[in-house]
Amino acid sequence: MQVVEQTGLSWTAVNTALRLHSAGNTSSMKPGVRGEKRPEQLKMDFALWSRPAVRQHIEQSLGC
């Protein structure tokens, strides 16, 4: 429980990491590449992700 308290991670996340580590499957514990983009990278008129920016992105992505 010390790991949970010190890191702020959930017990489920810590338990999964411990189980993978003890099984020798440490490669699956590496963080994946996240494809996060900022609105200006997507040619939007917003500087940060706000509700209007998210709404516009959803509309553009889904063709609504």
PDB file of N, CA and C in Angstrom:
ATOM      1  N   MET A   1       0.815  -1.201   0.000  1.00  0.00           N
ATOM      2  CA  MET A   1       0.000   0.000   0.000  1.00  0.00           C
ATOM      3  C   MET A   1       0.858   1.264   0.000  1.00  0.00           C
ATOM      4  N   GLN A   2       2.129   1.152   0.392  1.00  0.00           N
ATOM      5  CA  GLN A   2       2.995   2.322   0.373  1.00  0.00           C
ATOM      6  C   GLN A   2       3.181   2.853  -1.049  1.00  0.00           C
ATOM      7  N   VAL A   3       3.294   1.962  -1.997  1.00  0.00           N
ATOM      8  CA  VAL A   3       3.476   2.387  -3.381  1.00  0.00           C
ATOM      9  C   VAL A   3       2.263   3.172  -3.846  1.00  0.00           C
ATOM     10  N   VAL A   4       1.083   2.705  -3.498  1.00  0.00           N
ATOM     11  CA  VAL A   4      -0.157   3.390  -3.875  1.00  0.00           C
ATOM     12  C   VAL A   4      -0.182   4.788  -3.270  1.00  0.00           C
ATOM     13  N   GLU A   5       0.165   4.883  -1.997  1.00  0.00           N
ATOM     14  CA  GLU A   5       0.139   6.182  -1.313  1.00  0.00           C
ATOM     15  C   GLU A   5       1.203   7.129  -1.860  1.00  0.00           C
ATOM     16  N   GLN A   6       2.372   6.617  -2.172  1.00  0.00           N
ATOM     17  CA  GLN A   6       3.465   7.469  -2.613  1.00  0.00           C
ATOM     18  C   GLN A   6       3.320   7.925  -4.071  1.00  0.00           C
ATOM     19  N   THR A   7       2.704   7.106  -4.901  1.00  0.00           N
ATOM     20  CA  THR A   7       2.615   7.442  -6.321  1.00  0.00           C
ATOM     21  C   THR A   7       1.272   8.012  -6.735  1.00  0.00           C
ATOM     22  N   GLY A   8       0.240   7.730  -5.978  1.00  0.00           N
ATOM     23  CA  GLY A   8      -1.092   8.165  -6.363  1.00  0.00           C
ATOM     24  C   GLY A   8      -1.736   7.253  -7.395  1.00  0.00           C
ATOM     25  N   LEU A   9      -1.058   6.145  -7.727  1.00  0.00           N
ATOM     26  CA  LEU A   9      -1.631   5.169  -8.653  1.00  0.00           C
ATOM     27  C   LEU A   9      -2.687   4.343  -7.936  1.00  0.00           C
ATOM     28  N   SER A  10      -3.565   3.742  -8.694  1.00  0.00           N
ATOM     29  CA  SER A  10      -4.586   2.883  -8.095  1.00  0.00           C
ATOM     30  C   SER A  10      -3.966   1.548  -7.708  1.00  0.00           C
ATOM     31  N   TRP A  11      -4.618   0.848  -6.790  1.00  0.00           N
ATOM     32  CA  TRP A  11      -4.127  -0.462  -6.384  1.00  0.00           C
ATOM     33  C   TRP A  11      -4.134  -1.423  -7.569  1.00  0.00           C
ATOM     34  N   THR A  12      -5.123  -1.301  -8.419  1.00  0.00           N
ATOM     35  CA  THR A  12      -5.204  -2.168  -9.595  1.00  0.00           C
ATOM     36  C   THR A  12      -3.979  -1.978 -10.491  1.00  0.00           C
ATOM     37  N   ALA A  13      -3.586  -0.730 -10.732  1.00  0.00           N
ATOM     38  CA  ALA A  13      -2.421  -0.458 -11.581  1.00  0.00           C
ATOM     39  C   ALA A  13      -1.142  -0.993 -10.949  1.00  0.00           C
ATOM     40  N   VAL A  14      -0.987  -0.785  -9.660  1.00  0.00           N
ATOM     41  CA  VAL A  14       0.214  -1.268  -8.958  1.00  0.00           C
ATOM     42  C   VAL A  14       0.242  -2.784  -8.951  1.00  0.00           C
ATOM     43  N   ASN A  15      -0.875  -3.404  -8.668  1.00  0.00           N
ATOM     44  CA  ASN A  15      -0.950  -4.860  -8.622  1.00  0.00           C
ATOM     45  C   ASN A  15      -0.642  -5.465  -9.998  1.00  0.00           C
ATOM     46  N   THR A  16      -1.164  -4.866 -11.050  1.00  0.00           N
ATOM     47  CA  THR A  16      -0.886  -5.345 -12.410  1.00  0.00           C
ATOM     48  C   THR A  16       0.600  -5.231 -12.727  1.00  0.00           C
ATOM     49  N   ALA A  17       1.209  -4.094 -12.375  1.00  0.00           N
ATOM     50  CA  ALA A  17       2.634  -3.905 -12.628  1.00  0.00           C
ATOM     51  C   ALA A  17       3.469  -4.916 -11.853  1.00  0.00           C
ATOM     52  N   LEU A  18       3.119  -5.166 -10.614  1.00  0.00           N
ATOM     53  CA  LEU A  18       3.853  -6.152  -9.810  1.00  0.00           C
ATOM     54  C   LEU A  18       3.712  -7.559 -10.391  1.00  0.00           C
ATOM     55  N   ARG A  19       2.517  -7.892 -10.825  1.00  0.00           N
ATOM     56  CA  ARG A  19       2.277  -9.209 -11.418  1.00  0.00           C
ATOM     57  C   ARG A  19       3.074  -9.376 -12.719  1.00  0.00           C
ATOM     58  N   LEU A  20       3.082  -8.368 -13.568  1.00  0.00           N
ATOM     59  CA  LEU A  20       3.836  -8.427 -14.818  1.00  0.00           C
ATOM     60  C   LEU A  20       5.339  -8.511 -14.550  1.00  0.00           C
ATOM     61  N   HIS A  21       5.804  -7.759 -13.574  1.00  0.00           N
ATOM     62  CA  HIS A  21       7.227  -7.765 -13.244  1.00  0.00           C
ATOM     63  C   HIS A  21       7.656  -9.132 -12.709  1.00  0.00           C
ATOM     64  N   SER A  22       6.861  -9.702 -11.830  1.00  0.00           N
ATOM     65  CA  SER A  22       7.228 -11.003 -11.261  1.00  0.00           C
ATOM     66  C   SER A  22       7.150 -12.119 -12.311  1.00  0.00           C
ATOM     67  N   ALA A  23       6.343 -11.917 -13.346  1.00  0.00           N
ATOM     68  CA  ALA A  23       6.251 -12.904 -14.422  1.00  0.00           C
ATOM     69  C   ALA A  23       7.344 -12.692 -15.467  1.00  0.00           C
ATOM     70  N   GLY A  24       8.163 -11.640 -15.292  1.00  0.00           N
ATOM     71  CA  GLY A  24       9.231 -11.364 -16.233  1.00  0.00           C
ATOM     72  C   GLY A  24       8.774 -10.647 -17.482  1.00  0.00           C
ATOM     73  N   ASN A  25       7.571 -10.129 -17.471  1.00  0.00           N
ATOM     74  CA  ASN A  25       7.000  -9.460 -18.643  1.00  0.00           C
ATOM     75  C   ASN A  25       7.136  -7.949 -18.487  1.00  0.00           C
ATOM     76  N   THR A  26       8.366  -7.458 -18.338  1.00  0.00           N
ATOM     77  CA  THR A  26       8.570  -6.035 -18.101  1.00  0.00           C
ATOM     78  C   THR A  26       8.400  -5.192 -19.359  1.00  0.00           C
ATOM     79  N   SER A  27       8.462  -5.794 -20.529  1.00  0.00           N
ATOM     80  CA  SER A  27       8.305  -4.998 -21.756  1.00  0.00           C
ATOM     81  C   SER A  27       6.901  -4.414 -21.867  1.00  0.00           C
ATOM     82  N   SER A  28       5.913  -5.086 -21.322  1.00  0.00           N
ATOM     83  CA  SER A  28       4.546  -4.564 -21.399  1.00  0.00           C
ATOM     84  C   SER A  28       4.296  -3.464 -20.374  1.00  0.00           C
ATOM     85  N   MET A  29       5.270  -3.211 -19.502  1.00  0.00           N
ATOM     86  CA  MET A  29       5.111  -2.164 -18.495  1.00  0.00           C
ATOM     87  C   MET A  29       5.579  -0.807 -19.011  1.00  0.00           C
ATOM     88  N   LYS A  30       6.215  -0.761 -20.176  1.00  0.00           N
ATOM     89  CA  LYS A  30       6.691   0.503 -20.718  1.00  0.00           C
ATOM     90  C   LYS A  30       5.507   1.311 -21.225  1.00  0.00           C
ATOM     91  N   PRO A  31       5.532   2.623 -20.967  1.00  0.00           N
ATOM     92  CA  PRO A  31       4.418   3.449 -21.468  1.00  0.00           C
ATOM     93  C   PRO A  31       4.416   3.490 -22.986  1.00  0.00           C
ATOM     94  N   GLY A  32       3.235   3.464 -23.557  1.00  0.00           N
ATOM     95  CA  GLY A  32       3.091   3.521 -25.004  1.00  0.00           C
ATOM     96  C   GLY A  32       3.165   4.951 -25.510  1.00  0.00           C
ATOM     97  N   VAL A  33       3.316   5.083 -26.786  1.00  0.00           N
ATOM     98  CA  VAL A  33       3.335   6.396 -27.409  1.00  0.00           C
ATOM     99  C   VAL A  33       1.907   6.908 -27.483  1.00  0.00           C
ATOM    100  N   ARG A  34       1.724   8.114 -27.018  1.00  0.00           N
ATOM    101  CA  ARG A  34       0.396   8.702 -27.044  1.00  0.00           C
ATOM    102  C   ARG A  34       0.329   9.726 -28.163  1.00  0.00           C
ATOM    103  N   GLY A  35      -0.708   9.689 -28.913  1.00  0.00           N
ATOM    104  CA  GLY A  35      -0.845  10.567 -30.070  1.00  0.00           C
ATOM    105  C   GLY A  35      -1.570  11.857 -29.769  1.00  0.00           C
ATOM    106  N   GLU A  36      -1.286  12.432 -28.614  1.00  0.00           N
ATOM    107  CA  GLU A  36      -1.990  13.662 -28.247  1.00  0.00           C
ATOM    108  C   GLU A  36      -1.550  14.827 -29.113  1.00  0.00           C
ATOM    109  N   LYS A  37      -2.499  15.576 -29.568  1.00  0.00           N
ATOM    110  CA  LYS A  37      -2.244  16.762 -30.378  1.00  0.00           C
ATOM    111  C   LYS A  37      -2.856  17.974 -29.692  1.00  0.00           C
ATOM    112  N   ARG A  38      -2.269  19.103 -29.924  1.00  0.00           N
ATOM    113  CA  ARG A  38      -2.835  20.349 -29.429  1.00  0.00           C
ATOM    114  C   ARG A  38      -3.752  20.907 -30.515  1.00  0.00           C
ATOM    115  N   PRO A  39      -4.744  21.706 -30.133  1.00  0.00           N
ATOM    116  CA  PRO A  39      -5.679  22.234 -31.129  1.00  0.00           C
ATOM    117  C   PRO A  39      -4.989  22.974 -32.271  1.00  0.00           C
ATOM    118  N   GLU A  40      -3.946  23.754 -31.971  1.00  0.00           N
ATOM    119  CA  GLU A  40      -3.301  24.500 -33.059  1.00  0.00           C
ATOM    120  C   GLU A  40      -2.598  23.575 -34.046  1.00  0.00           C
ATOM    121  N   GLN A  41      -2.191  22.377 -33.601  1.00  0.00           N
ATOM    122  CA  GLN A  41      -1.602  21.403 -34.515  1.00  0.00           C
ATOM    123  C   GLN A  41      -2.646  20.849 -35.481  1.00  0.00           C
ATOM    124  N   LEU A  42      -3.898  20.890 -35.073  1.00  0.00           N
ATOM    125  CA  LEU A  42      -4.992  20.400 -35.902  1.00  0.00           C
ATOM    126  C   LEU A  42      -5.668  21.533 -36.670  1.00  0.00           C
ATOM    127  N   LYS A  43      -4.986  22.690 -36.723  1.00  0.00           N
ATOM    128  CA  LYS A  43      -5.482  23.866 -37.462  1.00  0.00           C
ATOM    129  C   LYS A  43      -6.823  24.358 -36.914  1.00  0.00           C
ATOM    130  N   MET A  44      -6.948  24.319 -35.574  1.00  0.00           N
ATOM    131  CA  MET A  44      -8.158  24.803 -34.938  1.00  0.00           C
ATOM    132  C   MET A  44      -7.887  26.200 -34.378  1.00  0.00           C
ATOM    133  N   ASP A  45      -8.947  26.934 -34.089  1.00  0.00           N
ATOM    134  CA  ASP A  45      -8.822  28.315 -33.614  1.00  0.00           C
ATOM    135  C   ASP A  45      -8.670  28.411 -32.097  1.00  0.00           C
ATOM    136  N   PHE A  46      -8.320  27.336 -31.435  1.00  0.00           N
ATOM    137  CA  PHE A  46      -8.234  27.331 -29.986  1.00  0.00           C
ATOM    138  C   PHE A  46      -6.795  27.067 -29.561  1.00  0.00           C
ATOM    139  N   ALA A  47      -6.372  27.686 -28.463  1.00  0.00           N
ATOM    140  CA  ALA A  47      -5.015  27.474 -27.962  1.00  0.00           C
ATOM    141  C   ALA A  47      -4.936  26.243 -27.067  1.00  0.00           C
ATOM    142  N   LEU A  48      -5.993  25.976 -26.333  1.00  0.00           N
ATOM    143  CA  LEU A  48      -6.029  24.839 -25.413  1.00  0.00           C
ATOM    144  C   LEU A  48      -7.298  24.033 -25.641  1.00  0.00           C
ATOM    145  N   TRP A  49      -7.299  22.811 -25.112  1.00  0.00           N
ATOM    146  CA  TRP A  49      -8.498  21.987 -25.225  1.00  0.00           C
ATOM    147  C   TRP A  49      -9.556  22.519 -24.274  1.00  0.00           C
ATOM    148  N   SER A  50     -10.600  23.057 -24.839  1.00  0.00           N
ATOM    149  CA  SER A  50     -11.747  23.538 -24.084  1.00  0.00           C
ATOM    150  C   SER A  50     -12.977  22.797 -24.599  1.00  0.00           C
ATOM    151  N   ARG A  51     -14.099  23.016 -23.994  1.00  0.00           N
ATOM    152  CA  ARG A  51     -15.311  22.343 -24.469  1.00  0.00           C
ATOM    153  C   ARG A  51     -15.612  22.666 -25.934  1.00  0.00           C
ATOM    154  N   PRO A  52     -15.537  23.946 -26.324  1.00  0.00           N
ATOM    155  CA  PRO A  52     -15.777  24.233 -27.747  1.00  0.00           C
ATOM    156  C   PRO A  52     -14.750  23.557 -28.659  1.00  0.00           C
ATOM    157  N   ALA A  53     -13.496  23.490 -28.224  1.00  0.00           N
ATOM    158  CA  ALA A  53     -12.468  22.846 -29.048  1.00  0.00           C
ATOM    159  C   ALA A  53     -12.740  21.357 -29.177  1.00  0.00           C
ATOM    160  N   VAL A  54     -13.115  20.718 -28.075  1.00  0.00           N
ATOM    161  CA  VAL A  54     -13.423  19.282 -28.114  1.00  0.00           C
ATOM    162  C   VAL A  54     -14.636  19.037 -28.998  1.00  0.00           C
ATOM    163  N   ARG A  55     -15.658  19.872 -28.868  1.00  0.00           N
ATOM    164  CA  ARG A  55     -16.862  19.738 -29.693  1.00  0.00           C
ATOM    165  C   ARG A  55     -16.504  19.854 -31.179  1.00  0.00           C
ATOM    166  N   GLN A  56     -15.679  20.856 -31.528  1.00  0.00           N
ATOM    167  CA  GLN A  56     -15.295  21.040 -32.923  1.00  0.00           C
ATOM    168  C   GLN A  56     -14.479  19.856 -33.418  1.00  0.00           C
ATOM    169  N   HIS A  57     -13.586  19.347 -32.604  1.00  0.00           N
ATOM    170  CA  HIS A  57     -12.767  18.204 -33.004  1.00  0.00           C
ATOM    171  C   HIS A  57     -13.629  16.962 -33.248  1.00  0.00           C
ATOM    172  N   ILE A  58     -14.593  16.725 -32.377  1.00  0.00           N
ATOM    173  CA  ILE A  58     -15.499  15.585 -32.552  1.00  0.00           C
ATOM    174  C   ILE A  58     -16.305  15.744 -33.836  1.00  0.00           C
ATOM    175  N   GLU A  59     -16.815  16.937 -34.071  1.00  0.00           N
ATOM    176  CA  GLU A  59     -17.591  17.177 -35.282  1.00  0.00           C
ATOM    177  C   GLU A  59     -16.750  16.969 -36.540  1.00  0.00           C
ATOM    178  N   GLN A  60     -15.496  17.440 -36.508  1.00  0.00           N
ATOM    179  CA  GLN A  60     -14.616  17.269 -37.653  1.00  0.00           C
ATOM    180  C   GLN A  60     -14.221  15.803 -37.852  1.00  0.00           C
ATOM    181  N   SER A  61     -13.955  15.116 -36.750  1.00  0.00           N
ATOM    182  CA  SER A  61     -13.513  13.723 -36.822  1.00  0.00           C
ATOM    183  C   SER A  61     -14.609  12.784 -37.292  1.00  0.00           C
ATOM    184  N   LEU A  62     -15.839  13.055 -36.840  1.00  0.00           N
ATOM    185  CA  LEU A  62     -16.953  12.167 -37.162  1.00  0.00           C
ATOM    186  C   LEU A  62     -17.784  12.659 -38.334  1.00  0.00           C
ATOM    187  N   GLY A  63     -17.455  13.823 -38.832  1.00  0.00           N
ATOM    188  CA  GLY A  63     -18.190  14.364 -39.973  1.00  0.00           C
ATOM    189  C   GLY A  63     -19.610  14.750 -39.634  1.00  0.00           C
ATOM    190  N   CYS A  64     -19.830  15.213 -38.402  1.00  0.00           N
ATOM    191  CA  CYS A  64     -21.184  15.606 -37.974  1.00  0.00           C
ATOM    192  C   CYS A  64     -21.523  16.994 -38.421  1.00  0.00           C
TER     193      CYS A  64
END
